C-alpha atoms as a PDB file:
ATOM      1  CA  MET A   1     148.623  60.469  67.906  1.00  0.00           C
ATOM      2  CA  VAL A   2     147.071  62.463  70.770  1.00  0.00           C
ATOM      3  CA  ARG A   3     149.044  65.604  69.788  1.00  0.00           C
ATOM      4  CA  LEU A   4     147.881  65.384  66.183  1.00  0.00           C
ATOM      5  CA  MET A   5     144.286  64.980  67.359  1.00  0.00           C
ATOM      6  CA  SER A   6     144.652  67.997  69.679  1.00  0.00           C
ATOM      7  CA  ARG A   7     146.207  70.135  66.936  1.00  0.00           C
ATOM      8  CA  THR A   8     143.438  69.154  64.542  1.00  0.00           C
ATOM      9  CA  THR A   9     140.825  69.986  67.179  1.00  0.00           C
ATOM     10  CA  THR A  10     142.466  73.355  67.807  1.00  0.00           C
ATOM     11  CA  GLU A  11     142.594  74.077  64.073  1.00  0.00           C
ATOM     12  CA  ARG A  12     138.900  73.201  63.798  1.00  0.00           C
ATOM     13  CA  ALA A  13     138.039  75.485  66.736  1.00  0.00           C
ATOM     14  CA  ARG A  14     140.074  78.317  65.179  1.00  0.00           C
ATOM     15  CA  ALA A  15     138.309  77.843  61.844  1.00  0.00           C
ATOM     16  CA  VAL A  16     134.880  77.999  63.506  1.00  0.00           C
ATOM     17  CA  ALA A  17     135.800  81.106  65.534  1.00  0.00           C
ATOM     18  CA  ALA A  18     137.313  82.733  62.440  1.00  0.00           C
ATOM     19  CA  ARG A  19     133.906  82.673  60.703  1.00  0.00           C
ATOM     20  CA  VAL A  20     132.210  84.824  63.357  1.00  0.00           C
ATOM     21  CA  THR A  21     131.453  88.336  62.095  1.00  0.00           C
ATOM     22  CA  ASP A  22     131.419  91.665  63.878  1.00  0.00           C
ATOM     23  CA  PRO A  23     127.821  92.608  64.812  1.00  0.00           C
ATOM     24  CA  GLU A  24     128.341  96.287  63.876  1.00  0.00           C
ATOM     25  CA  LEU A  25     130.449  95.657  60.767  1.00  0.00           C
ATOM     26  CA  PRO A  26     129.061  92.350  59.447  1.00  0.00           C
ATOM     27  CA  MET A  27     131.279  92.463  56.358  1.00  0.00           C
ATOM     28  CA  LEU A  28     134.223  91.761  58.699  1.00  0.00           C
ATOM     29  CA  THR A  29     135.057  88.609  60.598  1.00  0.00           C
ATOM     30  CA  LEU A  30     136.556  88.992  64.048  1.00  0.00           C
ATOM     31  CA  VAL A  31     139.839  87.927  62.427  1.00  0.00           C
ATOM     32  CA  ASP A  32     139.545  90.665  59.760  1.00  0.00           C
ATOM     33  CA  LEU A  33     138.879  93.208  62.505  1.00  0.00           C
ATOM     34  CA  GLY A  34     141.835  91.991  64.567  1.00  0.00           C
ATOM     35  CA  VAL A  35     139.637  91.347  67.600  1.00  0.00           C
ATOM     36  CA  LEU A  36     140.103  87.553  67.705  1.00  0.00           C
ATOM     37  CA  ARG A  37     143.429  87.149  69.506  1.00  0.00           C
ATOM     38  CA  ASP A  38     143.687  83.445  70.374  1.00  0.00           C
ATOM     39  CA  VAL A  39     141.792  80.168  70.296  1.00  0.00           C
ATOM     40  CA  GLU A  40     142.979  77.284  72.461  1.00  0.00           C
ATOM     41  CA  VAL A  41     141.487  73.868  73.133  1.00  0.00           C
ATOM     42  CA  VAL A  42     141.952  72.672  76.711  1.00  0.00           C
ATOM     43  CA  GLY A  43     141.050  69.027  77.150  1.00  0.00           C
ATOM     44  CA  ASP A  44     138.717  67.331  74.700  1.00  0.00           C
ATOM     45  CA  ALA A  45     135.950  69.870  74.144  1.00  0.00           C
ATOM     46  CA  HIS A  46     136.787  72.971  76.221  1.00  0.00           C
ATOM     47  CA  VAL A  47     137.641  75.993  74.048  1.00  0.00           C
ATOM     48  CA  VAL A  48     139.143  79.201  75.415  1.00  0.00           C
ATOM     49  CA  VAL A  49     138.882  82.225  73.115  1.00  0.00           C
ATOM     50  CA  ASP A  50     140.614  85.553  73.711  1.00  0.00           C
ATOM     51  CA  ILE A  51     139.161  88.705  72.168  1.00  0.00           C
ATOM     52  CA  THR A  52     140.226  92.337  72.487  1.00  0.00           C
ATOM     53  CA  PRO A  53     137.643  95.154  72.371  1.00  0.00           C
ATOM     54  CA  THR A  54     138.100  97.888  69.802  1.00  0.00           C
ATOM     55  CA  TYR A  55     137.651 100.403  72.620  1.00  0.00           C
ATOM     56  CA  SER A  56     136.698 100.231  76.281  1.00  0.00           C
ATOM     57  CA  GLY A  57     132.963  99.985  76.719  1.00  0.00           C
ATOM     58  CA  CYS A  58     132.365  98.652  73.195  1.00  0.00           C
ATOM     59  CA  PRO A  59     128.732  97.489  73.236  1.00  0.00           C
ATOM     60  CA  ALA A  60     129.423  94.853  70.580  1.00  0.00           C
ATOM     61  CA  MET A  61     131.594  92.744  72.920  1.00  0.00           C
ATOM     62  CA  ALA A  62     128.623  90.922  74.455  1.00  0.00           C
ATOM     63  CA  ALA A  63     127.275  90.056  70.999  1.00  0.00           C
ATOM     64  CA  MET A  64     130.731  88.872  69.871  1.00  0.00           C
ATOM     65  CA  ARG A  65     130.989  86.656  72.948  1.00  0.00           C
ATOM     66  CA  ASP A  66     127.504  85.229  72.434  1.00  0.00           C
ATOM     67  CA  ASP A  67     128.172  84.578  68.737  1.00  0.00           C
ATOM     68  CA  LEU A  68     131.467  82.798  69.499  1.00  0.00           C
ATOM     69  CA  VAL A  69     129.792  80.642  72.164  1.00  0.00           C
ATOM     70  CA  ARG A  70     126.869  79.794  69.855  1.00  0.00           C
ATOM     71  CA  GLU A  71     129.083  78.895  66.868  1.00  0.00           C
ATOM     72  CA  LEU A  72     131.620  76.855  68.839  1.00  0.00           C
ATOM     73  CA  SER A  73     128.908  75.065  70.841  1.00  0.00           C
ATOM     74  CA  GLY A  74     127.093  74.318  67.591  1.00  0.00           C
ATOM     75  CA  ALA A  75     130.327  72.829  66.229  1.00  0.00           C
ATOM     76  CA  GLY A  76     130.394  70.324  69.091  1.00  0.00           C
ATOM     77  CA  PHE A  77     132.551  72.004  71.708  1.00  0.00           C
ATOM     78  CA  ASP A  78     130.981  71.291  75.104  1.00  0.00           C
ATOM     79  CA  ARG A  79     132.451  74.216  77.024  1.00  0.00           C
ATOM     80  CA  VAL A  80     133.316  77.600  75.515  1.00  0.00           C
ATOM     81  CA  GLU A  81     135.029  80.279  77.561  1.00  0.00           C
ATOM     82  CA  VAL A  82     135.514  83.757  76.067  1.00  0.00           C
ATOM     83  CA  ARG A  83     138.059  85.972  77.778  1.00  0.00           C
ATOM     84  CA  VAL A  84     138.514  89.679  77.175  1.00  0.00           C
ATOM     85  CA  SER A  85     142.150  90.645  76.789  1.00  0.00           C
ATOM     86  CA  LEU A  86     142.948  94.342  77.249  1.00  0.00           C
ATOM     87  CA  ASP A  87     146.734  94.165  76.872  1.00  0.00           C
ATOM     88  CA  PRO A  88     147.931  94.996  74.357  1.00  0.00           C
ATOM     89  CA  ALA A  89     145.187  97.465  73.509  1.00  0.00           C
ATOM     90  CA  TRP A  90     143.496  96.992  70.134  1.00  0.00           C
ATOM     91  CA  THR A  91     144.580  99.234  67.294  1.00  0.00           C
ATOM     92  CA  THR A  92     143.135  99.810  63.836  1.00  0.00           C
ATOM     93  CA  ASP A  93     146.511  98.608  62.532  1.00  0.00           C
ATOM     94  CA  TRP A  94     145.261  95.090  63.411  1.00  0.00           C
ATOM     95  CA  ILE A  95     142.576  95.248  60.714  1.00  0.00           C
ATOM     96  CA  THR A  96     143.762  92.908  57.970  1.00  0.00           C
ATOM     97  CA  PRO A  97     144.207  93.991  54.334  1.00  0.00           C
ATOM     98  CA  ALA A  98     141.188  91.801  53.483  1.00  0.00           C
ATOM     99  CA  GLY A  99     139.221  93.594  56.207  1.00  0.00           C
ATOM    100  CA  ARG A 100     140.185  97.014  54.853  1.00  0.00           C
ATOM    101  CA  ALA A 101     139.119  95.925  51.363  1.00  0.00           C
ATOM    102  CA  ALA A 102     135.794  94.625  52.725  1.00  0.00           C
ATOM    103  CA  LEU A 103     135.134  97.947  54.485  1.00  0.00           C
ATOM    104  CA  ALA A 104     135.812  99.904  51.282  1.00  0.00           C
ATOM    105  CA  ALA A 105     133.645  97.518  49.237  1.00  0.00           C
ATOM    106  CA  ALA A 106     130.806  98.153  51.715  1.00  0.00           C
ATOM    107  CA  GLY A 107     131.173 101.928  51.296  1.00  0.00           C
ATOM    108  CA  ILE A 108     133.014 102.520  54.577  1.00  0.00           C
ATOM    109  CA  SER A 109     136.321 104.350  54.480  1.00  0.00           C
ATOM    110  CA  PRO A 110     138.980 102.156  56.139  1.00  0.00           C
ATOM    111  CA  PRO A 111     141.321 103.712  58.691  1.00  0.00           C
ATOM    112  CA  GLY A 112     144.761 104.984  57.876  1.00  0.00           C
ATOM    113  CA  PRO A 113     147.764 104.166  60.062  1.00  0.00           C
ATOM    114  CA  ALA A 114     147.086 104.474  63.782  1.00  0.00           C
ATOM    115  CA  PRO A 115     148.761 107.406  65.515  1.00  0.00           C
ATOM    116  CA  SER A 116     151.814 106.548  67.582  1.00  0.00           C
ATOM    117  CA  HIS A 117     152.591 108.211  70.876  1.00  0.00           C
ATOM    118  CA  ASP A 118     155.795 108.283  72.906  1.00  0.00           C
ATOM    119  CA  GLY A 119     154.449 109.767  76.098  1.00  0.00           C
ATOM    120  CA  PRO A 120     151.288 111.547  77.171  1.00  0.00           C
ATOM    121  CA  ILE A 121     148.521 111.882  74.598  1.00  0.00           C
ATOM    122  CA  PRO A 122     147.613 115.557  74.184  1.00  0.00           C
ATOM    123  CA  LEU A 123     143.990 116.463  74.835  1.00  0.00           C
ATOM    124  CA  THR A 124     142.355 118.459  72.096  1.00  0.00           C
ATOM    125  CA  LEU A 125     138.729 119.478  71.790  1.00  0.00           C
ATOM    126  CA  LEU A 126     138.917 119.871  68.024  1.00  0.00           C
ATOM    127  CA  PRO A 127     138.038 117.103  65.559  1.00  0.00           C
ATOM    128  CA  THR A 128     140.953 114.943  64.489  1.00  0.00           C
ATOM    129  CA  ALA A 129     142.444 116.013  61.166  1.00  0.00           C
ATOM    130  CA  ARG A 130     142.404 113.017  58.810  1.00  0.00           C
ATOM    131  CA  GLN A 131     143.207 112.440  55.158  1.00  0.00           C
ATOM    132  CA  VAL A 132     140.080 110.508  54.141  1.00  0.00           C
ATOM    133  CA  ARG A 133     139.279 109.298  50.641  1.00  0.00           C
ATOM    134  CA  CYS A 134     135.739 108.683  49.460  1.00  0.00           C
ATOM    135  CA  PRO A 135     135.033 104.932  49.252  1.00  0.00           C
ATOM    136  CA  GLN A 136     132.596 105.575  46.362  1.00  0.00           C
ATOM    137  CA  CYS A 137     134.707 107.637  43.926  1.00  0.00           C
ATOM    138  CA  ASP A 138     138.158 107.598  45.622  1.00  0.00           C
ATOM    139  CA  SER A 139     138.281 111.397  45.755  1.00  0.00           C
ATOM    140  CA  PRO A 140     140.350 113.011  48.530  1.00  0.00           C
ATOM    141  CA  ALA A 141     137.873 115.935  48.517  1.00  0.00           C
ATOM    142  CA  THR A 142     135.964 115.028  51.665  1.00  0.00           C
ATOM    143  CA  GLU A 143     134.669 116.905  54.684  1.00  0.00           C
ATOM    144  CA  LEU A 144     133.828 115.881  58.218  1.00  0.00           C
ATOM    145  CA  VAL A 145     130.101 115.977  58.987  1.00  0.00           C
ATOM    146  CA  SER A 146     130.237 114.535  62.508  1.00  0.00           C
ATOM    147  CA  GLU A 147     133.026 113.083  64.635  1.00  0.00           C
ATOM    148  CA  PHE A 148     130.535 110.332  65.561  1.00  0.00           C
ATOM    149  CA  GLY A 149     128.924 108.188  62.870  1.00  0.00           C
ATOM    150  CA  SER A 150     126.626 105.184  63.104  1.00  0.00           C
ATOM    151  CA  THR A 151     128.842 103.798  65.892  1.00  0.00           C
ATOM    152  CA  ALA A 152     131.286 105.522  68.262  1.00  0.00           C
ATOM    153  CA  CYS A 153     134.276 104.064  66.409  1.00  0.00           C
ATOM    154  CA  LYS A 154     133.255 105.720  63.124  1.00  0.00           C
ATOM    155  CA  ALA A 155     133.077 109.342  61.968  1.00  0.00           C
ATOM    156  CA  GLN A 156     130.597 110.621  59.364  1.00  0.00           C
ATOM    157  CA  TYR A 157     132.050 112.259  56.237  1.00  0.00           C
ATOM    158  CA  ARG A 158     130.724 113.621  52.942  1.00  0.00           C
ATOM    159  CA  CYS A 159     132.495 113.598  49.617  1.00  0.00           C
ATOM    160  CA  THR A 160     132.477 117.053  48.028  1.00  0.00           C
ATOM    161  CA  ALA A 161     133.130 115.500  44.590  1.00  0.00           C
ATOM    162  CA  CYS A 162     130.310 112.936  44.345  1.00  0.00           C
ATOM    163  CA  LEU A 163     128.301 114.316  47.328  1.00  0.00           C
ATOM    164  CA  GLU A 164     127.861 110.869  48.911  1.00  0.00           C
ATOM    165  CA  PRO A 165     127.908 110.564  52.710  1.00  0.00           C
ATOM    166  CA  PHE A 166     129.980 107.760  54.214  1.00  0.00           C
ATOM    167  CA  ASP A 167     131.372 106.419  57.464  1.00  0.00           C
ATOM    168  CA  HIS A 168     135.097 106.358  58.215  1.00  0.00           C
ATOM    169  CA  VAL A 169     136.583 103.971  60.766  1.00  0.00           C
ATOM    170  CA  LYS A 170     138.570 106.137  63.175  1.00  0.00           C
ATOM    171  CA  GLU A 171     142.261 105.471  63.614  1.00  0.00           C
ATOM    172  CA  ILE A 172     143.041 104.209  67.111  1.00  0.00           C
END
């Protein structure tokens, strides 16, 4: 009976944590974004949550931590510990299909497949060449406006077909 109770408590903690949204992309939950890595209940009301930042120095990490603590504490968990896990490093490939659909529905171009590297990553000072489709009209006729959009993890593009500007989540 104790195991069933513990599993149920863990499932409840996971469900609460799964509802927390990204502060910069509020149409995505931390699960959709692939940032929520693990939720474990230790003892009766001590929850340990592992999250992985989208990139080092991400300013949203503190807000994510605070939101997880607030939501889990509000759900009756007495002690909430949020750990930052850097290994393996986050990749845009962890964004779920539902998360990609939510980005597009919000007018943000979702990332394509993340680049893979077998060795040193070459340094280039030129903007990254991407095949980006407009989230408004689905046209591939787009142009880069700025390598940095509303947040460091997004680039600003403009559709040359419908002329709408939009953000694109960079592939990492």
